[in-house]
PDB file of N, CA and C in Angstrom:
ATOM      1  N   UNK A   1       0.847  -1.177   0.000  1.00  0.00           N
ATOM      2  CA  UNK A   1       0.000   0.000   0.000  1.00  0.00           C
ATOM      3  C   UNK A   1       0.888   1.234   0.000  1.00  0.00           C
ATOM      4  N   UNK A   2       0.676   2.068  -0.957  1.00  0.00           N
ATOM      5  CA  UNK A   2       1.322   3.378  -0.977  1.00  0.00           C
ATOM      6  C   UNK A   2       0.285   4.386  -0.503  1.00  0.00           C
ATOM      7  N   UNK A   3       0.640   5.191   0.478  1.00  0.00           N
ATOM      8  CA  UNK A   3      -0.312   6.173   0.978  1.00  0.00           C
ATOM      9  C   UNK A   3      -0.416   7.369   0.051  1.00  0.00           C
ATOM     10  N   UNK A   4       0.683   7.733  -0.624  1.00  0.00           N
ATOM     11  CA  UNK A   4       0.688   8.863  -1.554  1.00  0.00           C
ATOM     12  C   UNK A   4       1.364   8.438  -2.850  1.00  0.00           C
ATOM     13  N   UNK A   5       1.267   9.300  -3.858  1.00  0.00           N
ATOM     14  CA  UNK A   5       1.984   9.030  -5.104  1.00  0.00           C
ATOM     15  C   UNK A   5       3.386   9.625  -5.086  1.00  0.00           C
ATOM     16  N   UNK A   6       3.743  10.332  -4.006  1.00  0.00           N
ATOM     17  CA  UNK A   6       5.091  10.882  -3.875  1.00  0.00           C
ATOM     18  C   UNK A   6       5.285  12.235  -4.534  1.00  0.00           C
ATOM     19  N   UNK A   7       4.269  12.813  -5.074  1.00  0.00           N
ATOM     20  CA  UNK A   7       4.378  14.111  -5.735  1.00  0.00           C
ATOM     21  C   UNK A   7       3.561  15.154  -4.982  1.00  0.00           C
ATOM     22  N   UNK A   8       3.927  16.411  -5.036  1.00  0.00           N
ATOM     23  CA  UNK A   8       4.902  17.014  -5.923  1.00  0.00           C
ATOM     24  C   UNK A   8       6.321  16.971  -5.356  1.00  0.00           C
ATOM     25  N   UNK A   9       7.273  16.904  -6.261  1.00  0.00           N
ATOM     26  CA  UNK A   9       8.689  17.017  -5.926  1.00  0.00           C
ATOM     27  C   UNK A   9       9.322  17.963  -6.927  1.00  0.00           C
ATOM     28  N   UNK A  10      10.518  18.473  -6.629  1.00  0.00           N
ATOM     29  CA  UNK A  10      11.159  19.404  -7.555  1.00  0.00           C
ATOM     30  C   UNK A  10      11.522  18.785  -8.913  1.00  0.00           C
ATOM     31  N   UNK A  11      11.753  17.473  -8.954  1.00  0.00           N
ATOM     32  CA  UNK A  11      12.231  16.843 -10.192  1.00  0.00           C
ATOM     33  C   UNK A  11      11.414  15.611 -10.527  1.00  0.00           C
ATOM     34  N   UNK A  12      10.125  15.753 -10.647  1.00  0.00           N
ATOM     35  CA  UNK A  12       9.307  14.596 -10.948  1.00  0.00           C
ATOM     36  C   UNK A  12       7.923  14.989 -11.399  1.00  0.00           C
ATOM     37  N   UNK A  13       7.093  13.993 -11.547  1.00  0.00           N
ATOM     38  CA  UNK A  13       5.687  14.199 -11.891  1.00  0.00           C
ATOM     39  C   UNK A  13       4.923  12.963 -11.430  1.00  0.00           C
ATOM     40  N   UNK A  14       3.627  13.067 -11.381  1.00  0.00           N
ATOM     41  CA  UNK A  14       2.813  11.917 -11.005  1.00  0.00           C
ATOM     42  C   UNK A  14       3.085  10.749 -11.946  1.00  0.00           C
ATOM     43  N   UNK A  15       3.187  11.027 -13.240  1.00  0.00           N
ATOM     44  CA  UNK A  15       3.432   9.975 -14.229  1.00  0.00           C
ATOM     45  C   UNK A  15       4.759   9.268 -13.978  1.00  0.00           C
ATOM     46  N   UNK A  16       5.799  10.031 -13.675  1.00  0.00           N
ATOM     47  CA  UNK A  16       7.119   9.442 -13.385  1.00  0.00           C
ATOM     48  C   UNK A  16       7.032   8.560 -12.146  1.00  0.00           C
ATOM     49  N   UNK A  17       6.393   9.066 -11.077  1.00  0.00           N
ATOM     50  CA  UNK A  17       6.294   8.292  -9.832  1.00  0.00           C
ATOM     51  C   UNK A  17       5.491   7.012 -10.030  1.00  0.00           C
ATOM     52  N   UNK A  18       4.416   7.072 -10.799  1.00  0.00           N
ATOM     53  CA  UNK A  18       3.617   5.868 -11.036  1.00  0.00           C
ATOM     54  C   UNK A  18       4.387   4.856 -11.879  1.00  0.00           C
ATOM     55  N   UNK A  19       5.214   5.332 -12.814  1.00  0.00           N
ATOM     56  CA  UNK A  19       6.056   4.427 -13.611  1.00  0.00           C
ATOM     57  C   UNK A  19       7.118   3.792 -12.715  1.00  0.00           C
ATOM     58  N   UNK A  20       7.728   4.571 -11.842  1.00  0.00           N
ATOM     59  CA  UNK A  20       8.707   4.031 -10.888  1.00  0.00           C
ATOM     60  C   UNK A  20       8.054   2.982  -9.988  1.00  0.00           C
ATOM     61  N   UNK A  21       6.849   3.251  -9.569  1.00  0.00           N
ATOM     62  CA  UNK A  21       6.096   2.320  -8.721  1.00  0.00           C
ATOM     63  C   UNK A  21       5.870   1.004  -9.452  1.00  0.00           C
ATOM     64  N   UNK A  22       5.467   1.089 -10.712  1.00  0.00           N
ATOM     65  CA  UNK A  22       5.246  -0.111 -11.525  1.00  0.00           C
ATOM     66  C   UNK A  22       6.551  -0.877 -11.741  1.00  0.00           C
ATOM     67  N   UNK A  23       7.622  -0.159 -12.060  1.00  0.00           N
ATOM     68  CA  UNK A  23       8.928  -0.807 -12.261  1.00  0.00           C
ATOM     69  C   UNK A  23       9.394  -1.516 -10.987  1.00  0.00           C
ATOM     70  N   UNK A  24       9.227  -0.858  -9.842  1.00  0.00           N
ATOM     71  CA  UNK A  24       9.627  -1.462  -8.571  1.00  0.00           C
ATOM     72  C   UNK A  24       8.788  -2.701  -8.272  1.00  0.00           C
ATOM     73  N   UNK A  25       7.499  -2.623  -8.542  1.00  0.00           N
ATOM     74  CA  UNK A  25       6.618  -3.779  -8.317  1.00  0.00           C
ATOM     75  C   UNK A  25       7.074  -4.970  -9.149  1.00  0.00           C
ATOM     76  N   UNK A  26       7.387  -4.718 -10.415  1.00  0.00           N
ATOM     77  CA  UNK A  26       7.856  -5.806 -11.283  1.00  0.00           C
ATOM     78  C   UNK A  26       9.176  -6.375 -10.792  1.00  0.00           C
ATOM     79  N   UNK A  27      10.102  -5.503 -10.402  1.00  0.00           N
ATOM     80  CA  UNK A  27      11.417  -5.960  -9.931  1.00  0.00           C
ATOM     81  C   UNK A  27      11.296  -6.804  -8.661  1.00  0.00           C
ATOM     82  N   UNK A  28      10.326  -6.466  -7.809  1.00  0.00           N
ATOM     83  CA  UNK A  28      10.141  -7.182  -6.550  1.00  0.00           C
ATOM     84  C   UNK A  28       9.183  -8.357  -6.659  1.00  0.00           C
ATOM     85  N   UNK A  29       8.539  -8.503  -7.812  1.00  0.00           N
ATOM     86  CA  UNK A  29       7.575  -9.580  -7.992  1.00  0.00           C
ATOM     87  C   UNK A  29       6.255  -9.318  -7.288  1.00  0.00           C
ATOM     88  N   UNK A  30       5.935  -8.052  -7.063  1.00  0.00           N
ATOM     89  CA  UNK A  30       4.687  -7.674  -6.404  1.00  0.00           C
ATOM     90  C   UNK A  30       3.555  -7.768  -7.418  1.00  0.00           C
ATOM     91  N   UNK A  31       2.529  -8.534  -7.090  1.00  0.00           N
ATOM     92  CA  UNK A  31       1.416  -8.726  -8.021  1.00  0.00           C
ATOM     93  C   UNK A  31       0.194  -7.874  -7.682  1.00  0.00           C
ATOM     94  N   UNK A  32       0.107  -7.402  -6.447  1.00  0.00           N
ATOM     95  CA  UNK A  32      -0.982  -6.517  -6.045  1.00  0.00           C
ATOM     96  C   UNK A  32      -0.396  -5.331  -5.295  1.00  0.00           C
ATOM     97  N   UNK A  33      -0.790  -4.144  -5.706  1.00  0.00           N
ATOM     98  CA  UNK A  33      -0.320  -2.941  -5.040  1.00  0.00           C
ATOM     99  C   UNK A  33      -1.453  -1.932  -5.030  1.00  0.00           C
ATOM    100  N   UNK A  34      -1.582  -1.212  -3.954  1.00  0.00           N
ATOM    101  CA  UNK A  34      -2.690  -0.286  -3.778  1.00  0.00           C
ATOM    102  C   UNK A  34      -2.159   1.116  -3.507  1.00  0.00           C
ATOM    103  N   UNK A  35      -2.908   2.110  -3.960  1.00  0.00           N
ATOM    104  CA  UNK A  35      -2.556   3.513  -3.750  1.00  0.00           C
ATOM    105  C   UNK A  35      -3.741   4.203  -3.083  1.00  0.00           C
ATOM    106  N   UNK A  36      -3.550   4.679  -1.835  1.00  0.00           N
ATOM    107  CA  UNK A  36      -4.621   5.407  -1.164  1.00  0.00           C
ATOM    108  C   UNK A  36      -4.764   6.820  -1.703  1.00  0.00           C
ATOM    109  N   UNK A  37      -3.704   7.331  -2.327  1.00  0.00           N
ATOM    110  CA  UNK A  37      -3.722   8.646  -2.979  1.00  0.00           C
ATOM    111  C   UNK A  37      -3.978   9.793  -2.014  1.00  0.00           C
ATOM    112  N   UNK A  38      -3.407   9.691  -0.807  1.00  0.00           N
ATOM    113  CA  UNK A  38      -3.440  10.810   0.125  1.00  0.00           C
ATOM    114  C   UNK A  38      -2.480  11.874  -0.386  1.00  0.00           C
ATOM    115  N   UNK A  39      -2.646  13.118   0.011  1.00  0.00           N
ATOM    116  CA  UNK A  39      -1.770  14.187  -0.488  1.00  0.00           C
ATOM    117  C   UNK A  39      -0.353  14.061   0.077  1.00  0.00           C
ATOM    118  N   UNK A  40       0.626  14.021  -0.809  1.00  0.00           N
ATOM    119  CA  UNK A  40       2.029  13.943  -0.396  1.00  0.00           C
ATOM    120  C   UNK A  40       2.404  15.166   0.426  1.00  0.00           C
ATOM    121  N   UNK A  41       3.214  14.945   1.443  1.00  0.00           N
ATOM    122  CA  UNK A  41       3.673  15.972   2.363  1.00  0.00           C
ATOM    123  C   UNK A  41       2.540  16.564   3.199  1.00  0.00           C
ATOM    124  N   UNK A  42       1.391  15.864   3.210  1.00  0.00           N
ATOM    125  CA  UNK A  42       0.260  16.319   4.012  1.00  0.00           C
ATOM    126  C   UNK A  42      -0.513  15.125   4.561  1.00  0.00           C
ATOM    127  N   UNK A  43       0.209  14.032   4.857  1.00  0.00           N
ATOM    128  CA  UNK A  43      -0.427  12.859   5.462  1.00  0.00           C
ATOM    129  C   UNK A  43      -0.563  13.136   6.955  1.00  0.00           C
ATOM    130  N   UNK A  44      -1.789  12.992   7.449  1.00  0.00           N
ATOM    131  CA  UNK A  44      -2.033  13.215   8.867  1.00  0.00           C
ATOM    132  C   UNK A  44      -2.803  12.041   9.447  1.00  0.00           C
ATOM    133  N   UNK A  45      -2.589  11.814  10.733  1.00  0.00           N
ATOM    134  CA  UNK A  45      -3.274  10.751  11.452  1.00  0.00           C
ATOM    135  C   UNK A  45      -4.687  11.231  11.773  1.00  0.00           C
ATOM    136  N   UNK A  46      -5.598  11.040  10.816  1.00  0.00           N
ATOM    137  CA  UNK A  46      -6.988  11.439  10.997  1.00  0.00           C
ATOM    138  C   UNK A  46      -7.872  10.199  11.011  1.00  0.00           C
ATOM    139  N   UNK A  47      -9.079  10.363  11.504  1.00  0.00           N
ATOM    140  CA  UNK A  47     -10.030   9.251  11.510  1.00  0.00           C
ATOM    141  C   UNK A  47     -10.294   8.782  10.081  1.00  0.00           C
ATOM    142  N   UNK A  48     -10.439   9.712   9.156  1.00  0.00           N
ATOM    143  CA  UNK A  48     -10.703   9.347   7.762  1.00  0.00           C
ATOM    144  C   UNK A  48      -9.550   8.538   7.160  1.00  0.00           C
ATOM    145  N   UNK A  49      -8.327   8.969   7.393  1.00  0.00           N
ATOM    146  CA  UNK A  49      -7.169   8.246   6.862  1.00  0.00           C
ATOM    147  C   UNK A  49      -7.016   6.882   7.537  1.00  0.00           C
ATOM    148  N   UNK A  50      -7.256   6.829   8.841  1.00  0.00           N
ATOM    149  CA  UNK A  50      -7.210   5.538   9.540  1.00  0.00           C
ATOM    150  C   UNK A  50      -8.246   4.579   8.961  1.00  0.00           C
ATOM    151  N   UNK A  51      -9.459   5.083   8.719  1.00  0.00           N
ATOM    152  CA  UNK A  51     -10.521   4.244   8.169  1.00  0.00           C
ATOM    153  C   UNK A  51     -10.179   3.745   6.771  1.00  0.00           C
ATOM    154  N   UNK A  52      -9.617   4.619   5.937  1.00  0.00           N
ATOM    155  CA  UNK A  52      -9.245   4.213   4.575  1.00  0.00           C
ATOM    156  C   UNK A  52      -8.206   3.099   4.621  1.00  0.00           C
ATOM    157  N   UNK A  53      -7.185   3.259   5.459  1.00  0.00           N
ATOM    158  CA  UNK A  53      -6.143   2.244   5.557  1.00  0.00           C
ATOM    159  C   UNK A  53      -6.672   0.966   6.206  1.00  0.00           C
ATOM    160  N   UNK A  54      -7.459   1.098   7.249  1.00  0.00           N
ATOM    161  CA  UNK A  54      -8.013  -0.082   7.931  1.00  0.00           C
ATOM    162  C   UNK A  54      -8.921  -0.872   6.997  1.00  0.00           C
ATOM    163  N   UNK A  55      -9.701  -0.184   6.185  1.00  0.00           N
ATOM    164  CA  UNK A  55     -10.573  -0.861   5.223  1.00  0.00           C
ATOM    165  C   UNK A  55      -9.746  -1.686   4.248  1.00  0.00           C
ATOM    166  N   UNK A  56      -8.665  -1.115   3.763  1.00  0.00           N
ATOM    167  CA  UNK A  56      -7.802  -1.842   2.828  1.00  0.00           C
ATOM    168  C   UNK A  56      -7.093  -3.007   3.516  1.00  0.00           C
ATOM    169  N   UNK A  57      -6.623  -2.802   4.726  1.00  0.00           N
ATOM    170  CA  UNK A  57      -5.969  -3.887   5.468  1.00  0.00           C
ATOM    171  C   UNK A  57      -6.947  -5.038   5.688  1.00  0.00           C
ATOM    172  N   UNK A  58      -8.172  -4.720   6.035  1.00  0.00           N
ATOM    173  CA  UNK A  58      -9.177  -5.774   6.218  1.00  0.00           C
ATOM    174  C   UNK A  58      -9.448  -6.521   4.906  1.00  0.00           C
ATOM    175  N   UNK A  59      -9.480  -5.786   3.802  1.00  0.00           N
ATOM    176  CA  UNK A  59      -9.739  -6.397   2.498  1.00  0.00           C
ATOM    177  C   UNK A  59      -8.601  -7.340   2.090  1.00  0.00           C
ATOM    178  N   UNK A  60      -7.371  -6.891   2.249  1.00  0.00           N
ATOM    179  CA  UNK A  60      -6.201  -7.653   1.804  1.00  0.00           C
ATOM    180  C   UNK A  60      -5.811  -8.726   2.822  1.00  0.00           C
ATOM    181  N   UNK A  61      -6.020  -8.444   4.096  1.00  0.00           N
ATOM    182  CA  UNK A  61      -5.683  -9.365   5.193  1.00  0.00           C
ATOM    183  C   UNK A  61      -4.235  -9.848   5.122  1.00  0.00           C
ATOM    184  N   UNK A  62      -3.274  -8.914   5.164  1.00  0.00           N
ATOM    185  CA  UNK A  62      -1.867  -9.318   5.101  1.00  0.00           C
ATOM    186  C   UNK A  62      -1.435 -10.064   6.361  1.00  0.00           C
ATOM    187  N   UNK A  63      -0.398 -10.871   6.223  1.00  0.00           N
ATOM    188  CA  UNK A  63       0.152 -11.562   7.386  1.00  0.00           C
ATOM    189  C   UNK A  63       1.327 -10.783   7.978  1.00  0.00           C
ATOM    190  N   UNK A  64       1.892  -9.864   7.196  1.00  0.00           N
ATOM    191  CA  UNK A  64       3.016  -9.045   7.644  1.00  0.00           C
ATOM    192  C   UNK A  64       2.773  -7.611   7.186  1.00  0.00           C
ATOM    193  N   UNK A  65       3.073  -6.659   8.061  1.00  0.00           N
ATOM    194  CA  UNK A  65       2.994  -5.241   7.720  1.00  0.00           C
ATOM    195  C   UNK A  65       4.354  -4.597   7.948  1.00  0.00           C
ATOM    196  N   UNK A  66       4.783  -3.783   7.013  1.00  0.00           N
ATOM    197  CA  UNK A  66       5.987  -2.978   7.172  1.00  0.00           C
ATOM    198  C   UNK A  66       5.543  -1.521   7.183  1.00  0.00           C
ATOM    199  N   UNK A  67       6.063  -0.758   8.125  1.00  0.00           N
ATOM    200  CA  UNK A  67       5.704   0.655   8.237  1.00  0.00           C
ATOM    201  C   UNK A  67       6.966   1.458   8.513  1.00  0.00           C
ATOM    202  N   UNK A  68       6.936   2.747   8.197  1.00  0.00           N
ATOM    203  CA  UNK A  68       8.109   3.578   8.486  1.00  0.00           C
ATOM    204  C   UNK A  68       8.397   3.634   9.988  1.00  0.00           C
ATOM    205  N   UNK A  69       9.652   3.799  10.308  1.00  0.00           N
ATOM    206  CA  UNK A  69      10.056   3.999  11.697  1.00  0.00           C
ATOM    207  C   UNK A  69       9.519   5.350  12.162  1.00  0.00           C
ATOM    208  N   UNK A  70       8.959   5.423  13.353  1.00  0.00           N
ATOM    209  CA  UNK A  70       8.280   6.626  13.811  1.00  0.00           C
ATOM    210  C   UNK A  70       9.209   7.798  14.075  1.00  0.00           C
ATOM    211  N   UNK A  71      10.516   7.583  14.077  1.00  0.00           N
ATOM    212  CA  UNK A  71      11.446   8.690  14.273  1.00  0.00           C
ATOM    213  C   UNK A  71      12.095   9.113  12.961  1.00  0.00           C
ATOM    214  N   UNK A  72      11.431   8.895  11.854  1.00  0.00           N
ATOM    215  CA  UNK A  72      11.903   9.285  10.532  1.00  0.00           C
ATOM    216  C   UNK A  72      11.805  10.809  10.389  1.00  0.00           C
ATOM    217  N   UNK A  73      12.677  11.390   9.596  1.00  0.00           N
ATOM    218  CA  UNK A  73      12.682  12.843   9.424  1.00  0.00           C
ATOM    219  C   UNK A  73      11.503  13.333   8.579  1.00  0.00           C
ATOM    220  N   UNK A  74      10.966  12.490   7.680  1.00  0.00           N
ATOM    221  CA  UNK A  74       9.892  12.928   6.798  1.00  0.00           C
ATOM    222  C   UNK A  74       8.566  12.894   7.551  1.00  0.00           C
ATOM    223  N   UNK A  75       7.847  14.018   7.600  1.00  0.00           N
ATOM    224  CA  UNK A  75       6.607  14.068   8.378  1.00  0.00           C
ATOM    225  C   UNK A  75       5.559  13.051   7.930  1.00  0.00           C
ATOM    226  N   UNK A  76       5.461  12.761   6.631  1.00  0.00           N
ATOM    227  CA  UNK A  76       4.514  11.742   6.177  1.00  0.00           C
ATOM    228  C   UNK A  76       4.849  10.381   6.763  1.00  0.00           C
ATOM    229  N   UNK A  77       6.136  10.086   6.914  1.00  0.00           N
ATOM    230  CA  UNK A  77       6.560   8.785   7.424  1.00  0.00           C
ATOM    231  C   UNK A  77       6.191   8.637   8.900  1.00  0.00           C
ATOM    232  N   UNK A  78       6.478   9.632   9.695  1.00  0.00           N
ATOM    233  CA  UNK A  78       6.139   9.466  11.121  1.00  0.00           C
ATOM    234  C   UNK A  78       4.645   9.587  11.361  1.00  0.00           C
ATOM    235  N   UNK A  79       3.933  10.368  10.555  1.00  0.00           N
ATOM    236  CA  UNK A  79       2.474  10.408  10.695  1.00  0.00           C
ATOM    237  C   UNK A  79       1.854   9.055  10.334  1.00  0.00           C
ATOM    238  N   UNK A  80       2.371   8.428   9.296  1.00  0.00           N
ATOM    239  CA  UNK A  80       1.791   7.152   8.859  1.00  0.00           C
ATOM    240  C   UNK A  80       2.161   6.003   9.776  1.00  0.00           C
ATOM    241  N   UNK A  81       3.295   6.108  10.467  1.00  0.00           N
ATOM    242  CA  UNK A  81       3.658   5.014  11.370  1.00  0.00           C
ATOM    243  C   UNK A  81       2.741   4.981  12.566  1.00  0.00           C
TER     244      UNK A  81
END
């Protein structure tokens, strides 16, 4: 699950990020990938965002979850953890 598309950035575009996402999925052998499409650099721990992620987790029912370390410098990373 990607919470954002990673844009805007100084040297990119949504199309570039989505292509990178697809390339990474193929390289890793990932067959299912989801994008919540929350706004990059504005991810917040809200009830709505929790519900969106929880709904997807319930649907996919993963056995393992990886999340950013909560002491990461990027605000989206620590908010999402």
